[in-house]
C-alpha atoms as a PDB file:
ATOM      1  CA  MET A   1     -21.007  17.146  14.585  1.00  0.00           C
ATOM      2  CA  LYS A   2     -18.301  14.036  13.948  1.00  0.00           C
ATOM      3  CA  ALA A   3     -16.984  16.763  11.385  1.00  0.00           C
ATOM      4  CA  ARG A   4     -17.421  19.701  13.872  1.00  0.00           C
ATOM      5  CA  PHE A   5     -14.907  17.558  15.956  1.00  0.00           C
ATOM      6  CA  ALA A   6     -13.061  15.068  14.071  1.00  0.00           C
ATOM      7  CA  PRO A   7      -9.570  18.499  14.254  1.00  0.00           C
ATOM      8  CA  TYR A   8      -9.668  18.524  18.166  1.00  0.00           C
ATOM      9  CA  TRP A   9     -10.441  14.141  17.594  1.00  0.00           C
ATOM     10  CA  ASN A  10      -6.888  13.810  15.747  1.00  0.00           C
ATOM     11  CA  ARG A  11      -4.718  16.769  17.518  1.00  0.00           C
ATOM     12  CA  TRP A  12      -5.475  14.326  21.255  1.00  0.00           C
ATOM     13  CA  LEU A  13      -4.751  11.352  18.874  1.00  0.00           C
ATOM     14  CA  ALA A  14      -1.694  12.289  17.946  1.00  0.00           C
ATOM     15  CA  ARG A  15      -0.328  13.269  21.096  1.00  0.00           C
ATOM     16  CA  ARG A  16      -1.862  10.333  22.661  1.00  0.00           C
ATOM     17  CA  LEU A  17      -0.655   7.934  20.341  1.00  0.00           C
ATOM     18  CA  PRO A  18       2.432   9.694  17.770  1.00  0.00           C
ATOM     19  CA  THR A  19       3.227   8.040  15.072  1.00  0.00           C
ATOM     20  CA  ALA A  20       5.852   5.329  15.049  1.00  0.00           C
ATOM     21  CA  PRO A  21       7.278   2.333  12.930  1.00  0.00           C
ATOM     22  CA  GLN A  22       7.178   0.122  15.668  1.00  0.00           C
ATOM     23  CA  VAL A  23       3.488  -0.257  17.812  1.00  0.00           C
ATOM     24  CA  THR A  24       3.260  -2.509  20.525  1.00  0.00           C
ATOM     25  CA  LEU A  25      -0.038  -2.213  22.961  1.00  0.00           C
ATOM     26  CA  ASN A  26      -0.126  -1.256  26.376  1.00  0.00           C
ATOM     27  CA  GLN A  27      -2.667   0.114  29.142  1.00  0.00           C
ATOM     28  CA  ARG A  28      -2.070   3.608  27.628  1.00  0.00           C
ATOM     29  CA  ARG A  29      -3.420   2.610  24.092  1.00  0.00           C
ATOM     30  CA  ILE A  30      -6.336   0.461  24.034  1.00  0.00           C
ATOM     31  CA  PHE A  31      -9.863   1.103  25.041  1.00  0.00           C
ATOM     32  CA  ILE A  32     -12.019  -0.518  25.767  1.00  0.00           C
ATOM     33  CA  VAL A  33     -16.080  -0.518  25.472  1.00  0.00           C
ATOM     34  CA  PRO A  34     -19.220  -2.507  25.002  1.00  0.00           C
ATOM     35  CA  THR A  35     -20.897  -3.950  21.561  1.00  0.00           C
ATOM     36  CA  ARG A  36     -24.714  -3.687  20.541  1.00  0.00           C
ATOM     37  CA  VAL A  37     -24.254  -6.690  21.169  1.00  0.00           C
ATOM     38  CA  GLY A  38     -22.601  -6.242  24.653  1.00  0.00           C
ATOM     39  CA  ALA A  39     -25.437  -2.824  25.574  1.00  0.00           C
ATOM     40  CA  ALA A  40     -28.503  -5.340  24.830  1.00  0.00           C
ATOM     41  CA  PHE A  41     -26.743  -7.902  27.846  1.00  0.00           C
ATOM     42  CA  GLY A  42     -25.766  -4.894  30.499  1.00  0.00           C
ATOM     43  CA  VAL A  43     -29.419  -4.016  29.825  1.00  0.00           C
ATOM     44  CA  ALA A  44     -31.207  -7.996  30.224  1.00  0.00           C
ATOM     45  CA  LEU A  45     -29.251  -7.907  33.440  1.00  0.00           C
ATOM     46  CA  VAL A  46     -30.617  -4.968  34.754  1.00  0.00           C
ATOM     47  CA  LEU A  47     -34.428  -6.224  34.185  1.00  0.00           C
ATOM     48  CA  MET A  48     -33.204  -9.442  35.460  1.00  0.00           C
ATOM     49  CA  LEU A  49     -32.140  -7.738  38.720  1.00  0.00           C
ATOM     50  CA  LEU A  50     -35.558  -5.688  38.637  1.00  0.00           C
ATOM     51  CA  ALA A  51     -37.758  -9.291  38.637  1.00  0.00           C
ATOM     52  CA  ALA A  52     -35.444 -10.808  40.965  1.00  0.00           C
ATOM     53  CA  ILE A  53     -36.077  -8.116  43.089  1.00  0.00           C
ATOM     54  CA  ASN A  54     -39.787  -8.318  42.304  1.00  0.00           C
ATOM     55  CA  TYR A  55     -40.452 -11.568  42.903  1.00  0.00           C
ATOM     56  CA  GLN A  56     -36.968 -12.728  45.753  1.00  0.00           C
ATOM     57  CA  SER A  57     -35.928 -14.849  43.362  1.00  0.00           C
ATOM     58  CA  SER A  58     -32.955 -16.439  44.699  1.00  0.00           C
ATOM     59  CA  LEU A  59     -32.331 -18.023  41.453  1.00  0.00           C
ATOM     60  CA  ALA A  60     -32.058 -15.312  39.578  1.00  0.00           C
ATOM     61  CA  TYR A  61     -30.411 -13.404  41.670  1.00  0.00           C
ATOM     62  CA  GLY A  62     -27.668 -15.930  41.626  1.00  0.00           C
ATOM     63  CA  LEU A  63     -28.667 -16.268  37.653  1.00  0.00           C
ATOM     64  CA  THR A  64     -28.061 -12.377  37.466  1.00  0.00           C
ATOM     65  CA  PHE A  65     -25.039 -12.354  39.462  1.00  0.00           C
ATOM     66  CA  LEU A  66     -23.007 -15.307  37.638  1.00  0.00           C
ATOM     67  CA  LEU A  67     -23.421 -12.504  33.744  1.00  0.00           C
ATOM     68  CA  LEU A  68     -22.619 -10.167  35.105  1.00  0.00           C
ATOM     69  CA  ALA A  69     -18.965 -11.754  36.658  1.00  0.00           C
ATOM     70  CA  VAL A  70     -19.124 -13.605  33.074  1.00  0.00           C
ATOM     71  CA  PHE A  71     -19.586 -10.319  31.993  1.00  0.00           C
ATOM     72  CA  LEU A  72     -16.724  -8.803  34.592  1.00  0.00           C
ATOM     73  CA  VAL A  73     -13.896 -11.479  33.196  1.00  0.00           C
ATOM     74  CA  THR A  74     -15.074 -10.242  29.957  1.00  0.00           C
ATOM     75  CA  ILE A  75     -13.581  -7.087  30.698  1.00  0.00           C
ATOM     76  CA  LEU A  76     -10.268  -8.403  31.477  1.00  0.00           C
ATOM     77  CA  HIS A  77     -10.171 -11.283  27.748  1.00  0.00           C
ATOM     78  CA  THR A  78     -11.193  -8.714  25.475  1.00  0.00           C
ATOM     79  CA  TYR A  79      -8.408  -6.087  27.227  1.00  0.00           C
ATOM     80  CA  ARG A  80      -5.675  -9.239  27.460  1.00  0.00           C
ATOM     81  CA  ASN A  81      -5.744 -10.426  24.303  1.00  0.00           C
ATOM     82  CA  LEU A  82      -5.123  -7.363  22.111  1.00  0.00           C
ATOM     83  CA  ALA A  83      -2.274  -5.548  24.908  1.00  0.00           C
ATOM     84  CA  THR A  84       1.683  -6.193  24.026  1.00  0.00           C
ATOM     85  CA  LEU A  85       0.711  -6.811  20.123  1.00  0.00           C
ATOM     86  CA  VAL A  86       3.537  -5.399  18.748  1.00  0.00           C
ATOM     87  CA  LEU A  87       2.864  -4.241  15.595  1.00  0.00           C
ATOM     88  CA  LYS A  88       5.351  -2.874  12.770  1.00  0.00           C
ATOM     89  CA  ALA A  89       5.558  -0.996   9.741  1.00  0.00           C
ATOM     90  CA  GLY A  90       6.646  -2.825   6.191  1.00  0.00           C
ATOM     91  CA  GLY A  91       7.424  -1.446   2.991  1.00  0.00           C
ATOM     92  CA  GLY A  92       3.795  -0.196   0.152  1.00  0.00           C
ATOM     93  CA  ASN A  93       4.649  -1.425  -2.880  1.00  0.00           C
ATOM     94  CA  ALA A  94       4.195   1.707  -6.036  1.00  0.00           C
ATOM     95  CA  VAL A  95       0.516   1.197  -8.557  1.00  0.00           C
ATOM     96  CA  PHE A  96      -0.786   3.513 -10.962  1.00  0.00           C
ATOM     97  CA  VAL A  97      -3.565   5.616 -10.270  1.00  0.00           C
ATOM     98  CA  GLY A  98      -7.029   4.214  -9.992  1.00  0.00           C
ATOM     99  CA  GLU A  99      -4.812   0.628  -8.496  1.00  0.00           C
ATOM    100  CA  HIS A 100      -4.927  -0.637  -4.154  1.00  0.00           C
ATOM    101  CA  ALA A 101      -2.031  -0.317  -2.853  1.00  0.00           C
ATOM    102  CA  ARG A 102      -0.923  -3.208  -0.905  1.00  0.00           C
ATOM    103  CA  PHE A 103       0.932  -2.147   2.959  1.00  0.00           C
ATOM    104  CA  GLN A 104       2.581  -4.856   4.563  1.00  0.00           C
ATOM    105  CA  VAL A 105       2.523  -4.917   8.457  1.00  0.00           C
ATOM    106  CA  ARG A 106       3.961  -7.445  10.693  1.00  0.00           C
ATOM    107  CA  LEU A 107       1.535  -8.689  13.987  1.00  0.00           C
ATOM    108  CA  GLU A 108       4.046  -9.926  16.585  1.00  0.00           C
ATOM    109  CA  SER A 109       2.942 -11.286  19.776  1.00  0.00           C
ATOM    110  CA  GLY A 110       3.474 -10.168  23.055  1.00  0.00           C
ATOM    111  CA  GLY A 111       4.045 -14.128  24.909  1.00  0.00           C
ATOM    112  CA  ARG A 112       0.199 -15.752  24.204  1.00  0.00           C
ATOM    113  CA  ALA A 113      -1.797 -16.668  21.464  1.00  0.00           C
ATOM    114  CA  HIS A 114      -3.909 -13.066  19.646  1.00  0.00           C
ATOM    115  CA  GLN A 115      -7.284 -13.884  18.028  1.00  0.00           C
ATOM    116  CA  ALA A 116      -9.154 -12.503  16.056  1.00  0.00           C
ATOM    117  CA  ILE A 117      -6.886  -9.305  15.374  1.00  0.00           C
ATOM    118  CA  ALA A 118      -9.021  -7.164  13.039  1.00  0.00           C
ATOM    119  CA  LEU A 119      -6.948  -3.715  11.406  1.00  0.00           C
ATOM    120  CA  GLY A 120      -7.767  -2.213   8.532  1.00  0.00           C
ATOM    121  CA  TRP A 121      -8.721   1.779   7.642  1.00  0.00           C
ATOM    122  CA  PRO A 122     -12.459   2.280   7.826  1.00  0.00           C
ATOM    123  CA  PRO A 123     -14.877   2.659   6.583  1.00  0.00           C
ATOM    124  CA  GLU A 124     -13.577  -0.273   4.420  1.00  0.00           C
ATOM    125  CA  PRO A 125     -14.540  -3.458   6.334  1.00  0.00           C
ATOM    126  CA  LEU A 126     -10.777  -4.745   8.478  1.00  0.00           C
ATOM    127  CA  GLU A 127      -9.237  -7.723   7.902  1.00  0.00           C
ATOM    128  CA  ILE A 128      -9.153 -10.082  10.624  1.00  0.00           C
ATOM    129  CA  TYR A 129      -5.991 -11.868  11.899  1.00  0.00           C
ATOM    130  CA  ASP A 130      -5.224 -14.518  13.947  1.00  0.00           C
ATOM    131  CA  VAL A 131      -1.334 -14.739  15.629  1.00  0.00           C
ATOM    132  CA  PRO A 132       0.281 -17.684  17.234  1.00  0.00           C
ATOM    133  CA  ALA A 133       2.094 -17.778  20.774  1.00  0.00           C
ATOM    134  CA  ASN A 134       5.767 -16.176  19.980  1.00  0.00           C
ATOM    135  CA  GLY A 135       4.650 -16.363  16.814  1.00  0.00           C
ATOM    136  CA  ALA A 136       4.117 -13.155  14.081  1.00  0.00           C
ATOM    137  CA  TRP A 137       1.638 -13.238  10.903  1.00  0.00           C
ATOM    138  CA  GLU A 138       2.762 -10.787   7.909  1.00  0.00           C
ATOM    139  CA  CYS A 139      -0.624  -8.701   6.575  1.00  0.00           C
ATOM    140  CA  ARG A 140      -1.424  -7.223   3.557  1.00  0.00           C
ATOM    141  CA  LEU A 141      -3.800  -4.416   3.750  1.00  0.00           C
ATOM    142  CA  GLY A 142      -5.141  -2.325   0.542  1.00  0.00           C
ATOM    143  CA  GLN A 143      -5.876   0.812   0.319  1.00  0.00           C
ATOM    144  CA  ALA A 144      -6.925   2.120  -3.267  1.00  0.00           C
ATOM    145  CA  ALA A 145      -5.108   5.263  -4.920  1.00  0.00           C
ATOM    146  CA  VAL A 146      -6.519   7.613  -6.345  1.00  0.00           C
ATOM    147  CA  ARG A 147      -4.176  10.693  -6.470  1.00  0.00           C
ATOM    148  CA  ARG A 148      -0.483  10.047  -7.845  1.00  0.00           C
ATOM    149  CA  GLY A 149       2.792  11.117  -5.200  1.00  0.00           C
ATOM    150  CA  TRP A 150       3.069  10.303  -1.944  1.00  0.00           C
ATOM    151  CA  LEU A 151       0.086   7.624  -0.982  1.00  0.00           C
ATOM    152  CA  ARG A 152      -0.411   7.812   3.139  1.00  0.00           C
ATOM    153  CA  PRO A 153      -3.160   6.044   4.820  1.00  0.00           C
ATOM    154  CA  GLY A 154      -2.929   7.182   8.225  1.00  0.00           C
ATOM    155  CA  ARG A 155      -4.455   5.984  11.310  1.00  0.00           C
ATOM    156  CA  MET A 156      -5.152   2.185  11.019  1.00  0.00           C
ATOM    157  CA  ARG A 157      -7.735   0.699  13.543  1.00  0.00           C
ATOM    158  CA  VAL A 158      -6.769  -2.134  15.393  1.00  0.00           C
ATOM    159  CA  GLU A 159      -9.635  -4.423  17.343  1.00  0.00           C
ATOM    160  CA  THR A 160     -10.910  -7.171  18.516  1.00  0.00           C
ATOM    161  CA  ARG A 161     -14.500  -8.873  19.430  1.00  0.00           C
ATOM    162  CA  PHE A 162     -12.774 -12.088  21.266  1.00  0.00           C
ATOM    163  CA  PRO A 163     -14.327 -14.275  23.206  1.00  0.00           C
ATOM    164  CA  LEU A 164     -17.697 -13.642  23.241  1.00  0.00           C
ATOM    165  CA  GLY A 165     -18.404 -10.093  20.882  1.00  0.00           C
ATOM    166  CA  ILE A 166     -19.525  -8.085  23.877  1.00  0.00           C
ATOM    167  CA  LEU A 167     -17.225  -5.970  24.230  1.00  0.00           C
ATOM    168  CA  VAL A 168     -14.641  -4.183  21.992  1.00  0.00           C
ATOM    169  CA  ALA A 169     -10.917  -4.084  22.252  1.00  0.00           C
ATOM    170  CA  TRP A 170      -9.239  -0.202  19.731  1.00  0.00           C
ATOM    171  CA  SER A 171      -6.603   1.597  19.228  1.00  0.00           C
ATOM    172  CA  TRP A 172      -5.704   3.640  16.703  1.00  0.00           C
ATOM    173  CA  VAL A 173      -2.330   2.891  15.387  1.00  0.00           C
ATOM    174  CA  ASP A 174      -0.386   5.463  12.774  1.00  0.00           C
ATOM    175  CA  LEU A 175       3.103   3.448  11.466  1.00  0.00           C
ATOM    176  CA  ASP A 176       3.886   5.703   8.943  1.00  0.00           C
ATOM    177  CA  LEU A 177       2.967   4.364   6.084  1.00  0.00           C
ATOM    178  CA  ALA A 178       3.817   4.791   2.276  1.00  0.00           C
ATOM    179  CA  ALA A 179       3.585   3.517  -0.728  1.00  0.00           C
ATOM    180  CA  LEU A 180       4.120   6.177  -4.180  1.00  0.00           C
ATOM    181  CA  VAL A 181       1.740   6.630  -6.440  1.00  0.00           C
ATOM    182  CA  TYR A 182       2.790   6.243 -10.462  1.00  0.00           C
ATOM    183  CA  PRO A 183       0.500   8.748 -12.756  1.00  0.00           C
ATOM    184  CA  ARG A 184      -2.904   6.831 -15.226  1.00  0.00           C
ATOM    185  CA  PRO A 185      -0.926   6.003 -18.457  1.00  0.00           C
ATOM    186  CA  LEU A 186      -2.731   7.651 -20.592  1.00  0.00           C
ATOM    187  CA  PRO A 187      -2.163   6.764 -24.441  1.00  0.00           C
ATOM    188  CA  GLY A 188      -2.305   9.419 -27.570  1.00  0.00           C
ATOM    189  CA  GLU A 189       0.863  10.515 -29.593  1.00  0.00           C
ATOM    190  CA  LEU A 190       4.192  12.263 -28.105  1.00  0.00           C
ATOM    191  CA  PRO A 191       6.284  14.743 -30.278  1.00  0.00           C
ATOM    192  CA  LEU A 192       9.338  13.053 -29.694  1.00  0.00           C
ATOM    193  CA  VAL A 193      12.004  16.310 -28.859  1.00  0.00           C
ATOM    194  CA  PRO A 194      15.631  15.310 -30.661  1.00  0.00           C
ATOM    195  CA  ALA A 195      18.564  16.022 -28.880  1.00  0.00           C
ATOM    196  CA  ALA A 196      20.117  19.341 -30.100  1.00  0.00           C
ATOM    197  CA  GLY A 197      22.460  18.748 -33.534  1.00  0.00           C
ATOM    198  CA  ASP A 198      20.779  15.684 -34.520  1.00  0.00           C
ATOM    199  CA  GLU A 199      20.803  15.007 -38.027  1.00  0.00           C
ATOM    200  CA  GLU A 200      18.867  11.993 -39.756  1.00  0.00           C
ATOM    201  CA  GLU A 201      21.935  11.242 -42.133  1.00  0.00           C
ATOM    202  CA  GLY A 202      24.744   8.929 -40.830  1.00  0.00           C
ATOM    203  CA  ASN A 203      22.855   7.061 -37.511  1.00  0.00           C
ATOM    204  CA  ARG A 204      25.312   4.442 -36.573  1.00  0.00           C
ATOM    205  CA  ALA A 205      24.298   1.911 -34.027  1.00  0.00           C
ATOM    206  CA  ILE A 206      25.742   3.500 -30.706  1.00  0.00           C
ATOM    207  CA  GLY A 207      24.176   0.372 -27.852  1.00  0.00           C
ATOM    208  CA  ARG A 208      20.808  -1.755 -27.137  1.00  0.00           C
ATOM    209  CA  GLY A 209      17.829  -0.156 -28.773  1.00  0.00           C
ATOM    210  CA  ALA A 210      14.352  -1.497 -30.235  1.00  0.00           C
ATOM    211  CA  ASP A 211      15.575   0.408 -33.746  1.00  0.00           C
ATOM    212  CA  ASP A 212      18.026  -1.101 -35.835  1.00  0.00           C
ATOM    213  CA  TYR A 213      18.204  -5.679 -35.773  1.00  0.00           C
ATOM    214  CA  GLN A 214      21.714  -7.124 -35.233  1.00  0.00           C
ATOM    215  CA  GLY A 215      20.898 -10.747 -35.233  1.00  0.00           C
ATOM    216  CA  LEU A 216      21.321 -12.929 -32.259  1.00  0.00           C
ATOM    217  CA  LYS A 217      23.881 -13.526 -29.496  1.00  0.00           C
ATOM    218  CA  PRO A 218      23.766 -15.886 -26.539  1.00  0.00           C
ATOM    219  CA  TYR A 219      22.073 -15.581 -23.731  1.00  0.00           C
ATOM    220  CA  GLN A 220      22.300 -13.034 -20.538  1.00  0.00           C
ATOM    221  CA  PRO A 221      19.922 -12.826 -16.641  1.00  0.00           C
ATOM    222  CA  GLY A 222      18.770 -10.092 -17.201  1.00  0.00           C
ATOM    223  CA  ASP A 223      18.141  -9.823 -20.667  1.00  0.00           C
ATOM    224  CA  SER A 224      14.176  -9.214 -22.166  1.00  0.00           C
ATOM    225  CA  LYS A 225      12.323 -11.920 -22.117  1.00  0.00           C
ATOM    226  CA  ARG A 226      10.423 -11.197 -25.218  1.00  0.00           C
ATOM    227  CA  ARG A 227      13.162 -10.928 -26.829  1.00  0.00           C
ATOM    228  CA  LEU A 228      14.401 -14.932 -26.811  1.00  0.00           C
ATOM    229  CA  HIS A 229      14.691 -17.042 -30.011  1.00  0.00           C
ATOM    230  CA  TRP A 230      12.422 -20.097 -28.994  1.00  0.00           C
ATOM    231  CA  LYS A 231      12.813 -21.909 -32.877  1.00  0.00           C
ATOM    232  CA  ALA A 232      17.260 -21.508 -32.314  1.00  0.00           C
ATOM    233  CA  TYR A 233      15.905 -23.437 -29.332  1.00  0.00           C
ATOM    234  CA  SER A 234      14.211 -25.810 -30.325  1.00  0.00           C
ATOM    235  CA  ARG A 235      16.444 -26.767 -33.212  1.00  0.00           C
ATOM    236  CA  GLY A 236      19.024 -27.955 -30.523  1.00  0.00           C
ATOM    237  CA  GLN A 237      21.519 -24.256 -30.708  1.00  0.00           C
ATOM    238  CA  GLY A 238      20.656 -22.794 -26.702  1.00  0.00           C
ATOM    239  CA  LEU A 239      18.934 -19.906 -25.333  1.00  0.00           C
ATOM    240  CA  LEU A 240      19.864 -17.253 -28.279  1.00  0.00           C
ATOM    241  CA  VAL A 241      18.473 -13.867 -27.487  1.00  0.00           C
ATOM    242  CA  LYS A 242      17.568 -11.205 -30.839  1.00  0.00           C
ATOM    243  CA  ASP A 243      19.790  -8.315 -30.261  1.00  0.00           C
ATOM    244  CA  PHE A 244      18.432  -5.050 -31.394  1.00  0.00           C
ATOM    245  CA  ALA A 245      20.459  -1.859 -30.740  1.00  0.00           C
ATOM    246  CA  ALA A 246      19.811   2.310 -31.065  1.00  0.00           C
ATOM    247  CA  LEU A 247      20.345   4.711 -33.917  1.00  0.00           C
ATOM    248  CA  GLY A 248      22.932   7.473 -32.905  1.00  0.00           C
ATOM    249  CA  GLY A 249      21.377  11.031 -33.790  1.00  0.00           C
ATOM    250  CA  ARG A 250      17.876   9.518 -32.974  1.00  0.00           C
ATOM    251  CA  GLU A 251      18.370  10.270 -29.453  1.00  0.00           C
ATOM    252  CA  LEU A 252      14.306  10.482 -27.523  1.00  0.00           C
ATOM    253  CA  TRP A 253      14.010  13.444 -25.607  1.00  0.00           C
ATOM    254  CA  LEU A 254      10.288  12.965 -23.855  1.00  0.00           C
ATOM    255  CA  ASP A 255       9.420  16.959 -22.852  1.00  0.00           C
ATOM    256  CA  TYR A 256       6.853  17.838 -20.253  1.00  0.00           C
ATOM    257  CA  GLU A 257       7.012  21.534 -22.008  1.00  0.00           C
ATOM    258  CA  SER A 258       5.907  20.002 -25.670  1.00  0.00           C
ATOM    259  CA  LEU A 259       2.146  18.886 -24.781  1.00  0.00           C
ATOM    260  CA  SER A 260      -0.846  20.131 -24.687  1.00  0.00           C
ATOM    261  CA  GLY A 261      -2.892  20.305 -21.805  1.00  0.00           C
ATOM    262  CA  ASP A 262      -3.230  20.410 -18.052  1.00  0.00           C
ATOM    263  CA  MET A 263      -0.479  19.197 -16.142  1.00  0.00           C
ATOM    264  CA  GLU A 264      -2.570  15.751 -14.941  1.00  0.00           C
ATOM    265  CA  MET A 265      -3.385  15.326 -18.939  1.00  0.00           C
ATOM    266  CA  ARG A 266       1.219  15.943 -20.091  1.00  0.00           C
ATOM    267  CA  VAL A 267       2.172  13.099 -16.631  1.00  0.00           C
ATOM    268  CA  SER A 268      -0.109  10.944 -17.616  1.00  0.00           C
ATOM    269  CA  LEU A 269       0.223  10.794 -21.744  1.00  0.00           C
ATOM    270  CA  LEU A 270       4.777  10.697 -20.078  1.00  0.00           C
ATOM    271  CA  CYS A 271       3.807   7.501 -17.974  1.00  0.00           C
ATOM    272  CA  HIS A 272       2.351   6.215 -20.978  1.00  0.00           C
ATOM    273  CA  TRP A 273       5.745   6.306 -23.382  1.00  0.00           C
ATOM    274  CA  VAL A 274       8.307   5.331 -20.708  1.00  0.00           C
ATOM    275  CA  LEU A 275       6.436   2.174 -20.262  1.00  0.00           C
ATOM    276  CA  ALA A 276       6.617   1.949 -23.582  1.00  0.00           C
ATOM    277  CA  LEU A 277       9.570   2.450 -24.732  1.00  0.00           C
ATOM    278  CA  SER A 278      10.772   0.871 -20.998  1.00  0.00           C
ATOM    279  CA  GLU A 279       9.274  -1.617 -22.587  1.00  0.00           C
ATOM    280  CA  ARG A 280      11.201  -1.969 -26.716  1.00  0.00           C
ATOM    281  CA  SER A 281      14.376  -1.112 -25.110  1.00  0.00           C
ATOM    282  CA  GLN A 282      14.592   2.277 -26.176  1.00  0.00           C
ATOM    283  CA  ALA A 283      17.283   4.402 -24.612  1.00  0.00           C
ATOM    284  CA  PHE A 284      15.390   7.998 -23.697  1.00  0.00           C
ATOM    285  CA  GLY A 285      15.596  11.289 -21.653  1.00  0.00           C
ATOM    286  CA  LEU A 286      13.208  12.695 -19.940  1.00  0.00           C
ATOM    287  CA  THR A 287      12.993  16.870 -19.301  1.00  0.00           C
ATOM    288  CA  LEU A 288      10.449  18.253 -16.743  1.00  0.00           C
ATOM    289  CA  PRO A 289      10.033  21.956 -15.249  1.00  0.00           C
ATOM    290  CA  GLY A 290      13.148  21.652 -13.220  1.00  0.00           C
ATOM    291  CA  LEU A 291      14.269  18.216 -13.679  1.00  0.00           C
ATOM    292  CA  HIS A 292      16.682  16.536 -16.030  1.00  0.00           C
ATOM    293  CA  LEU A 293      17.187  13.094 -16.434  1.00  0.00           C
ATOM    294  CA  GLY A 294      19.722  12.621 -19.847  1.00  0.00           C
ATOM    295  CA  PRO A 295      18.601   8.902 -22.441  1.00  0.00           C
ATOM    296  CA  ASP A 296      19.147   5.840 -20.738  1.00  0.00           C
ATOM    297  CA  GLU A 297      17.379   2.561 -20.537  1.00  0.00           C
ATOM    298  CA  GLY A 298      16.789  -0.355 -18.420  1.00  0.00           C
ATOM    299  CA  GLU A 299      14.395  -0.836 -15.691  1.00  0.00           C
ATOM    300  CA  ALA A 300      16.648   1.781 -12.951  1.00  0.00           C
ATOM    301  CA  HIS A 301      15.876   4.001 -16.025  1.00  0.00           C
ATOM    302  CA  ARG A 302      12.114   3.461 -15.919  1.00  0.00           C
ATOM    303  CA  ASP A 303      12.219   3.865 -12.438  1.00  0.00           C
ATOM    304  CA  ALA A 304      13.546   7.051 -12.098  1.00  0.00           C
ATOM    305  CA  CYS A 305      11.710   8.604 -14.606  1.00  0.00           C
ATOM    306  CA  LEU A 306       8.270   7.261 -12.459  1.00  0.00           C
ATOM    307  CA  ARG A 307       8.659   8.269  -9.873  1.00  0.00           C
ATOM    308  CA  ALA A 308       9.380  12.098 -11.532  1.00  0.00           C
ATOM    309  CA  LEU A 309       6.848  11.792 -13.500  1.00  0.00           C
ATOM    310  CA  ALA A 310       4.523  10.707 -10.175  1.00  0.00           C
ATOM    311  CA  LEU A 311       6.183  13.508  -7.325  1.00  0.00           C
ATOM    312  CA  PHE A 312       6.081  16.654 -10.329  1.00  0.00           C
ATOM    313  CA  GLY A 313       3.681  18.997  -9.329  1.00  0.00           C
ATOM    314  CA  VAL A 314       3.012  17.596  -6.169  1.00  0.00           C
ATOM    315  CA  ALA A 315       3.248  18.479  -2.419  1.00  0.00           C
ATOM    316  CA  ARG A 316       6.033  16.289  -0.539  1.00  0.00           C
END
């Protein structure tokens, strides 16, 4: 039954609670129902009322109506604890398949404190936060990345059972969160495709790389910490780094078409070599069907290649 009516429920939610980068919880967005404890509390009130009627006990009447008043007042306080709360979407960090993406959500008070606010994506356990009056709280919520491409966690449940736990006020909020998921790196042999016209003879140093040791040079911000020459530093010669150069005539190309296997195996293998060559500061190019990234190095080139592999063949 749940699976049968899920599409209708989702369409109704989409009309009533549309996607937005920022959401303020108000009467239109908040729902409130008794919890299991609240339902048992209600049954107990009915039994107490029947006992009071049967025995015509003024004390039983008084206790029953006192507890009923507590229940009614709790409805207001539970609703107010969630009302006026502002949720803002933050960024999501890029991860690899198999890791947990972390989504940043900012909770802002609407003027009063909000206590025991739980949010997350069921069936995973919800995380609980307190938001101070006229303050804010940065939340980082995790979700497993099971496939490459854009990870969109969907509607997030926000609820509170404060103060007595006999009622739950809740809402479904779609903050349009997204995180990029890279392929899972797969170690393996890779046929490196040389650039057209490249020859082994006449190789020459053409800039930074990982092939030819050139000596030591003064450290500059942005140089790899792995190339620091600690022995020279210990001798009082200052902070120096080992300088390497790539060899001309040996530009490396990572070519999708040169690999065998299914799509996921190919992009995973290319992902591994993008990371490995970037770690060595080796310039390389990437060729995918319909995409050509020329030889380069550095974090920007690595991120561009990883992004291309993450989105290759995936519906946007």
